[in-house]
C-alpha atoms as a PDB file:
ATOM      1  CA  MET A   1     116.650  23.417  -7.728  1.00  0.00           C
ATOM      2  CA  PRO A   2     117.458  19.653  -8.134  1.00  0.00           C
ATOM      3  CA  ASP A   3     117.740  17.863 -11.736  1.00  0.00           C
ATOM      4  CA  GLN A   4     114.937  15.226 -12.439  1.00  0.00           C
ATOM      5  CA  GLY A   5     116.147  12.948 -10.590  1.00  0.00           C
ATOM      6  CA  GLY A   6     116.941  14.835  -7.931  1.00  0.00           C
ATOM      7  CA  MET A   7     113.622  16.161  -8.083  1.00  0.00           C
ATOM      8  CA  ARG A   8     111.439  12.538  -8.003  1.00  0.00           C
ATOM      9  CA  ALA A   9     113.563  11.594  -5.277  1.00  0.00           C
ATOM     10  CA  VAL A  10     112.469  14.285  -2.873  1.00  0.00           C
ATOM     11  CA  TRP A  11     109.172  13.492  -3.869  1.00  0.00           C
ATOM     12  CA  ASP A  12     109.469   9.582  -3.246  1.00  0.00           C
ATOM     13  CA  ARG A  13     110.498  10.327   0.690  1.00  0.00           C
ATOM     14  CA  LEU A  14     107.672  12.767   0.840  1.00  0.00           C
ATOM     15  CA  LEU A  15     105.550   9.997  -0.156  1.00  0.00           C
ATOM     16  CA  GLN A  16     106.727   7.483   1.952  1.00  0.00           C
ATOM     17  CA  ALA A  17     107.119   9.369   5.049  1.00  0.00           C
ATOM     18  CA  ALA A  18     103.400  10.592   4.323  1.00  0.00           C
ATOM     19  CA  LYS A  19     102.721   6.694   3.887  1.00  0.00           C
ATOM     20  CA  GLU A  20     104.096   5.569   7.329  1.00  0.00           C
ATOM     21  CA  THR A  21     102.542   8.105   9.514  1.00  0.00           C
ATOM     22  CA  HIS A  22      98.868   7.678   7.234  1.00  0.00           C
ATOM     23  CA  GLU A  23      99.345   3.991   7.870  1.00  0.00           C
ATOM     24  CA  GLY A  24     100.679   4.395  11.527  1.00  0.00           C
ATOM     25  CA  ASN A  25      97.441   6.622  12.589  1.00  0.00           C
ATOM     26  CA  ALA A  26      94.364   4.255  13.503  1.00  0.00           C
ATOM     27  CA  THR A  27      92.025   6.903  12.800  1.00  0.00           C
ATOM     28  CA  LEU A  28      93.182   8.060   9.686  1.00  0.00           C
ATOM     29  CA  SER A  29      93.338   4.797   7.763  1.00  0.00           C
ATOM     30  CA  ALA A  30      90.552   3.547   8.759  1.00  0.00           C
ATOM     31  CA  PHE A  31      88.307   6.475   7.838  1.00  0.00           C
ATOM     32  CA  CYS A  32      90.576   5.883   4.259  1.00  0.00           C
ATOM     33  CA  PRO A  33      93.426   3.269   3.408  1.00  0.00           C
ATOM     34  CA  PHE A  34      96.332   4.759   1.898  1.00  0.00           C
ATOM     35  CA  PRO A  35      96.000   3.877  -1.493  1.00  0.00           C
ATOM     36  CA  ASP A  36      97.582   1.334  -3.711  1.00  0.00           C
ATOM     37  CA  ASP A  37      97.537   2.435  -6.985  1.00  0.00           C
ATOM     38  CA  VAL A  38      99.508   5.411  -6.294  1.00  0.00           C
ATOM     39  CA  GLN A  39     102.006   6.815  -9.290  1.00  0.00           C
ATOM     40  CA  PRO A  40     103.759   9.139 -10.077  1.00  0.00           C
ATOM     41  CA  GLN A  41     103.307  12.260 -12.167  1.00  0.00           C
ATOM     42  CA  ASP A  42     105.218  15.552 -13.533  1.00  0.00           C
ATOM     43  CA  VAL A  43     104.527  18.733 -11.526  1.00  0.00           C
ATOM     44  CA  VAL A  44     105.032  22.101 -12.693  1.00  0.00           C
ATOM     45  CA  PRO A  45     106.331  24.295  -9.817  1.00  0.00           C
ATOM     46  CA  TYR A  46     104.279  27.480  -8.871  1.00  0.00           C
ATOM     47  CA  HIS A  47     104.671  29.515  -5.626  1.00  0.00           C
ATOM     48  CA  ILE A  48     102.602  31.755  -3.351  1.00  0.00           C
ATOM     49  CA  PRO A  49     103.808  33.917  -0.434  1.00  0.00           C
ATOM     50  CA  GLY A  50     102.606  31.525   1.852  1.00  0.00           C
ATOM     51  CA  ALA A  51     104.640  29.180   0.931  1.00  0.00           C
ATOM     52  CA  GLN A  52     107.754  31.157   1.958  1.00  0.00           C
ATOM     53  CA  LEU A  53     106.495  31.651   5.179  1.00  0.00           C
ATOM     54  CA  MET A  54     106.808  28.128   5.537  1.00  0.00           C
ATOM     55  CA  ALA A  55     109.172  27.876   4.261  1.00  0.00           C
ATOM     56  CA  VAL A  56     111.038  29.984   7.101  1.00  0.00           C
ATOM     57  CA  GLU A  57     108.362  28.943  10.041  1.00  0.00           C
ATOM     58  CA  THR A  58     110.067  28.139  13.434  1.00  0.00           C
ATOM     59  CA  GLY A  59     106.657  27.284  15.188  1.00  0.00           C
ATOM     60  CA  LEU A  60     105.921  24.431  13.776  1.00  0.00           C
ATOM     61  CA  HIS A  61     106.876  21.792  16.891  1.00  0.00           C
ATOM     62  CA  THR A  62     106.133  18.603  17.081  1.00  0.00           C
ATOM     63  CA  ASP A  63     107.586  15.014  18.758  1.00  0.00           C
ATOM     64  CA  ARG A  64     105.601  13.276  16.767  1.00  0.00           C
ATOM     65  CA  TYR A  65     105.928  13.668  13.089  1.00  0.00           C
ATOM     66  CA  THR A  66     109.062  15.472  12.951  1.00  0.00           C
ATOM     67  CA  GLU A  67     110.151  13.440   9.494  1.00  0.00           C
ATOM     68  CA  LEU A  68     106.690  14.117   7.488  1.00  0.00           C
ATOM     69  CA  ARG A  69     107.116  18.011   8.375  1.00  0.00           C
ATOM     70  CA  ASP A  70     110.295  18.501   7.066  1.00  0.00           C
ATOM     71  CA  ALA A  71     109.604  16.306   3.762  1.00  0.00           C
ATOM     72  CA  PHE A  72     107.093  18.737   3.062  1.00  0.00           C
ATOM     73  CA  VAL A  73     108.875  21.620   3.597  1.00  0.00           C
ATOM     74  CA  THR A  74     111.344  20.346   1.448  1.00  0.00           C
ATOM     75  CA  ALA A  75     109.164  19.750  -0.965  1.00  0.00           C
ATOM     76  CA  GLY A  76     107.877  23.069  -0.520  1.00  0.00           C
ATOM     77  CA  PRO A  77     109.823  24.821  -3.826  1.00  0.00           C
ATOM     78  CA  LEU A  78     109.313  21.443  -6.102  1.00  0.00           C
ATOM     79  CA  ALA A  79     105.105  22.192  -5.767  1.00  0.00           C
ATOM     80  CA  LEU A  80     102.695  23.188  -7.191  1.00  0.00           C
ATOM     81  CA  TRP A  81     101.030  25.582  -4.741  1.00  0.00           C
ATOM     82  CA  ARG A  82      97.070  25.918  -4.815  1.00  0.00           C
ATOM     83  CA  GLU A  83      95.046  29.093  -5.087  1.00  0.00           C
ATOM     84  CA  THR A  84      92.049  27.527  -3.743  1.00  0.00           C
ATOM     85  CA  TYR A  85      89.665  30.680  -3.848  1.00  0.00           C
ATOM     86  CA  LYS A  86      91.461  33.399  -6.084  1.00  0.00           C
ATOM     87  CA  GLY A  87      88.554  35.432  -7.457  1.00  0.00           C
ATOM     88  CA  THR A  88      86.835  35.265  -4.284  1.00  0.00           C
ATOM     89  CA  ASP A  89      85.885  38.048  -1.537  1.00  0.00           C
ATOM     90  CA  ILE A  90      87.884  35.688   1.471  1.00  0.00           C
ATOM     91  CA  GLY A  91      90.249  38.651   1.785  1.00  0.00           C
ATOM     92  CA  GLN A  92      94.313  39.601   0.894  1.00  0.00           C
ATOM     93  CA  ASP A  93      95.415  38.748   4.187  1.00  0.00           C
ATOM     94  CA  PHE A  94      94.150  35.144   4.013  1.00  0.00           C
ATOM     95  CA  MET A  95      95.491  34.334  -0.357  1.00  0.00           C
ATOM     96  CA  ASP A  96      98.961  36.317   1.235  1.00  0.00           C
ATOM     97  CA  ARG A  97      99.254  34.090   4.113  1.00  0.00           C
ATOM     98  CA  PHE A  98      97.507  31.074   3.398  1.00  0.00           C
ATOM     99  CA  ALA A  99      99.515  27.860   2.118  1.00  0.00           C
ATOM    100  CA  CYS A 100      98.257  24.472   0.376  1.00  0.00           C
ATOM    101  CA  TYR A 101      99.691  22.218  -1.947  1.00  0.00           C
ATOM    102  CA  CYS A 102      98.685  18.560  -3.494  1.00  0.00           C
ATOM    103  CA  LEU A 103     100.684  15.142  -3.096  1.00  0.00           C
ATOM    104  CA  ILE A 104      98.420  12.786  -4.299  1.00  0.00           C
ATOM    105  CA  GLY A 105      95.754  14.376  -6.642  1.00  0.00           C
ATOM    106  CA  VAL A 106      95.732  17.253  -9.667  1.00  0.00           C
ATOM    107  CA  GLY A 107      98.371  18.978  -9.416  1.00  0.00           C
ATOM    108  CA  GLY A 108     100.754  17.360  -7.783  1.00  0.00           C
ATOM    109  CA  ALA A 109     103.838  14.585  -7.775  1.00  0.00           C
ATOM    110  CA  PHE A 110     101.375  11.386  -7.716  1.00  0.00           C
ATOM    111  CA  THR A 111      97.694  10.382  -8.448  1.00  0.00           C
ATOM    112  CA  SER A 112      95.208   8.135  -7.000  1.00  0.00           C
ATOM    113  CA  GLN A 113      91.939   7.415  -7.631  1.00  0.00           C
ATOM    114  CA  GLN A 114      91.162   6.364  -4.106  1.00  0.00           C
ATOM    115  CA  MET A 115      92.188   9.356  -2.381  1.00  0.00           C
ATOM    116  CA  CYS A 116      93.426  13.220  -2.447  1.00  0.00           C
ATOM    117  CA  ALA A 117      96.182  14.146  -0.350  1.00  0.00           C
ATOM    118  CA  TRP A 118      97.691  17.639   0.635  1.00  0.00           C
ATOM    119  CA  VAL A 119      99.138  19.849   2.931  1.00  0.00           C
ATOM    120  CA  VAL A 120      97.869  22.944   4.686  1.00  0.00           C
ATOM    121  CA  TYR A 121      99.876  25.856   6.487  1.00  0.00           C
ATOM    122  CA  MET A 122      98.430  28.854   8.352  1.00  0.00           C
ATOM    123  CA  PRO A 123     101.027  30.846  10.345  1.00  0.00           C
ATOM    124  CA  PRO A 124      99.721  32.760  13.611  1.00  0.00           C
ATOM    125  CA  GLU A 125      96.791  34.696  14.040  1.00  0.00           C
ATOM    126  CA  LEU A 126      95.019  33.396  10.929  1.00  0.00           C
ATOM    127  CA  HIS A 127      91.114  32.839  10.320  1.00  0.00           C
ATOM    128  CA  TYR A 128      90.057  29.948   7.505  1.00  0.00           C
ATOM    129  CA  PRO A 129      86.361  30.946   6.983  1.00  0.00           C
ATOM    130  CA  TRP A 130      83.711  28.549   6.880  1.00  0.00           C
ATOM    131  CA  HIS A 131      83.782  26.719   3.291  1.00  0.00           C
ATOM    132  CA  HIS A 132      82.657  23.078   2.422  1.00  0.00           C
ATOM    133  CA  HIS A 133      83.076  20.353  -0.644  1.00  0.00           C
ATOM    134  CA  PRO A 134      81.458  17.127  -1.409  1.00  0.00           C
ATOM    135  CA  GLY A 135      84.719  15.519  -0.746  1.00  0.00           C
ATOM    136  CA  GLU A 136      84.446  13.880   2.789  1.00  0.00           C
ATOM    137  CA  GLU A 137      87.698  14.846   4.433  1.00  0.00           C
ATOM    138  CA  MET A 138      89.940  14.282   7.359  1.00  0.00           C
ATOM    139  CA  TYR A 139      92.882  16.782   8.559  1.00  0.00           C
ATOM    140  CA  LEU A 140      95.481  15.090  10.885  1.00  0.00           C
ATOM    141  CA  THR A 141      97.454  17.898  12.686  1.00  0.00           C
ATOM    142  CA  LEU A 142     101.951  17.309  12.012  1.00  0.00           C
ATOM    143  CA  ALA A 143     102.544  19.898  13.979  1.00  0.00           C
ATOM    144  CA  GLY A 144     101.221  23.382  15.481  1.00  0.00           C
ATOM    145  CA  GLU A 145      97.781  23.676  16.848  1.00  0.00           C
ATOM    146  CA  ALA A 146      94.541  25.865  15.609  1.00  0.00           C
ATOM    147  CA  VAL A 147      90.631  25.337  16.545  1.00  0.00           C
ATOM    148  CA  PHE A 148      89.045  23.424  14.860  1.00  0.00           C
ATOM    149  CA  MET A 149      85.126  24.111  13.307  1.00  0.00           C
ATOM    150  CA  VAL A 150      83.016  21.873  11.816  1.00  0.00           C
ATOM    151  CA  GLU A 151      78.998  22.640  12.044  1.00  0.00           C
ATOM    152  CA  GLY A 152      77.128  21.458  14.425  1.00  0.00           C
ATOM    153  CA  ALA A 153      79.687  21.067  17.308  1.00  0.00           C
ATOM    154  CA  GLU A 154      82.075  23.090  19.220  1.00  0.00           C
ATOM    155  CA  GLY A 155      85.371  24.089  18.418  1.00  0.00           C
ATOM    156  CA  VAL A 156      88.151  21.830  19.548  1.00  0.00           C
ATOM    157  CA  VAL A 157      91.759  22.986  20.062  1.00  0.00           C
ATOM    158  CA  LEU A 158      93.982  20.093  17.299  1.00  0.00           C
ATOM    159  CA  GLY A 159      97.714  19.600  18.319  1.00  0.00           C
ATOM    160  CA  PRO A 160      99.779  16.302  16.638  1.00  0.00           C
ATOM    161  CA  GLY A 161      98.096  13.545  16.416  1.00  0.00           C
ATOM    162  CA  ASP A 162      94.797  14.573  16.062  1.00  0.00           C
ATOM    163  CA  THR A 163      91.687  14.433  13.553  1.00  0.00           C
ATOM    164  CA  SER A 164      89.259  16.359  12.626  1.00  0.00           C
ATOM    165  CA  GLN A 165      86.543  14.413   9.872  1.00  0.00           C
ATOM    166  CA  HIS A 166      84.078  16.352   7.994  1.00  0.00           C
ATOM    167  CA  GLU A 167      81.618  14.905   6.234  1.00  0.00           C
ATOM    168  CA  SER A 168      80.451  15.912   2.460  1.00  0.00           C
ATOM    169  CA  ASN A 169      78.800  19.543   2.308  1.00  0.00           C
ATOM    170  CA  GLN A 170      79.358  20.079   5.944  1.00  0.00           C
ATOM    171  CA  PRO A 171      80.888  22.858   6.581  1.00  0.00           C
ATOM    172  CA  HIS A 172      83.614  23.674   8.812  1.00  0.00           C
ATOM    173  CA  ALA A 173      86.782  26.639   9.543  1.00  0.00           C
ATOM    174  CA  MET A 174      89.951  26.788  11.347  1.00  0.00           C
ATOM    175  CA  THR A 175      92.096  29.094  13.266  1.00  0.00           C
ATOM    176  CA  THR A 176      94.944  30.029  14.643  1.00  0.00           C
ATOM    177  CA  HIS A 177      95.929  32.231  17.298  1.00  0.00           C
ATOM    178  CA  ALA A 178      99.461  31.836  18.999  1.00  0.00           C
ATOM    179  CA  HIS A 179     100.704  29.306  16.531  1.00  0.00           C
ATOM    180  CA  PRO A 180     101.253  27.753  13.518  1.00  0.00           C
ATOM    181  CA  VAL A 181      99.444  25.000  12.078  1.00  0.00           C
ATOM    182  CA  MET A 182     100.923  22.507   9.371  1.00  0.00           C
ATOM    183  CA  ALA A 183      98.403  19.133   8.574  1.00  0.00           C
ATOM    184  CA  TYR A 184      97.722  16.711   6.469  1.00  0.00           C
ATOM    185  CA  VAL A 185      94.852  16.585   4.610  1.00  0.00           C
ATOM    186  CA  VAL A 186      93.142  13.177   2.656  1.00  0.00           C
ATOM    187  CA  TRP A 187      89.332  13.146   0.361  1.00  0.00           C
ATOM    188  CA  ARG A 188      88.576   9.830  -0.096  1.00  0.00           C
ATOM    189  CA  ASN A 189      85.967  10.664  -3.179  1.00  0.00           C
ATOM    190  CA  GLY A 190      83.952  13.146  -4.067  1.00  0.00           C
ATOM    191  CA  PHE A 191      88.095  14.653  -6.082  1.00  0.00           C
ATOM    192  CA  GLU A 192      86.451  16.423  -9.066  1.00  0.00           C
ATOM    193  CA  THR A 193      84.268  19.365  -7.034  1.00  0.00           C
ATOM    194  CA  PRO A 194      87.045  22.102  -5.051  1.00  0.00           C
ATOM    195  CA  PRO A 195      85.822  23.314  -1.790  1.00  0.00           C
ATOM    196  CA  VAL A 196      84.304  26.808  -1.706  1.00  0.00           C
ATOM    197  CA  LEU A 197      83.413  29.863   0.875  1.00  0.00           C
ATOM    198  CA  THR A 198      79.595  28.821   2.697  1.00  0.00           C
ATOM    199  CA  ILE A 199      76.996  31.076   2.328  1.00  0.00           C
END
């Protein structure tokens, strides 16, 4: 484990890679400009089984976002990995294989009043059930691919550079098949209320 200065350097490199990727994507930038009020905060690492799966994943292929992909993996051992659906009936297989940690927001290495940001990883053959939240959200696929589903539309396979936008409380879901997926996820509002499964 790096010392305090080394850990901060890892987070700073990740933040810079996220900023460059964010500002380089016109759709994402139009949805939510990268925040100008980002401040560092301490992280208490917490690991989950899915974190190890992402650390050793070999199928996260991308020809556009290698720097951000690798920065998210490098920072993984220092992260507070989330268990958003712990205590729900989502199932143990999902809890053991789904992985997500915050970069900007509660539990993340940085804070902002303008935006929250996470990384989401799913291995092959995993379904993220229908869920919703007040926060308006956009996924930018960084590596691999998945079928993204939004209420009222047909599911679509998205790969590196593709985005999926979710309106406030609009149910959405995601499924991987032969390939894993890694996505950069941002909320532009509604930070106080976590996702819940759609009944």
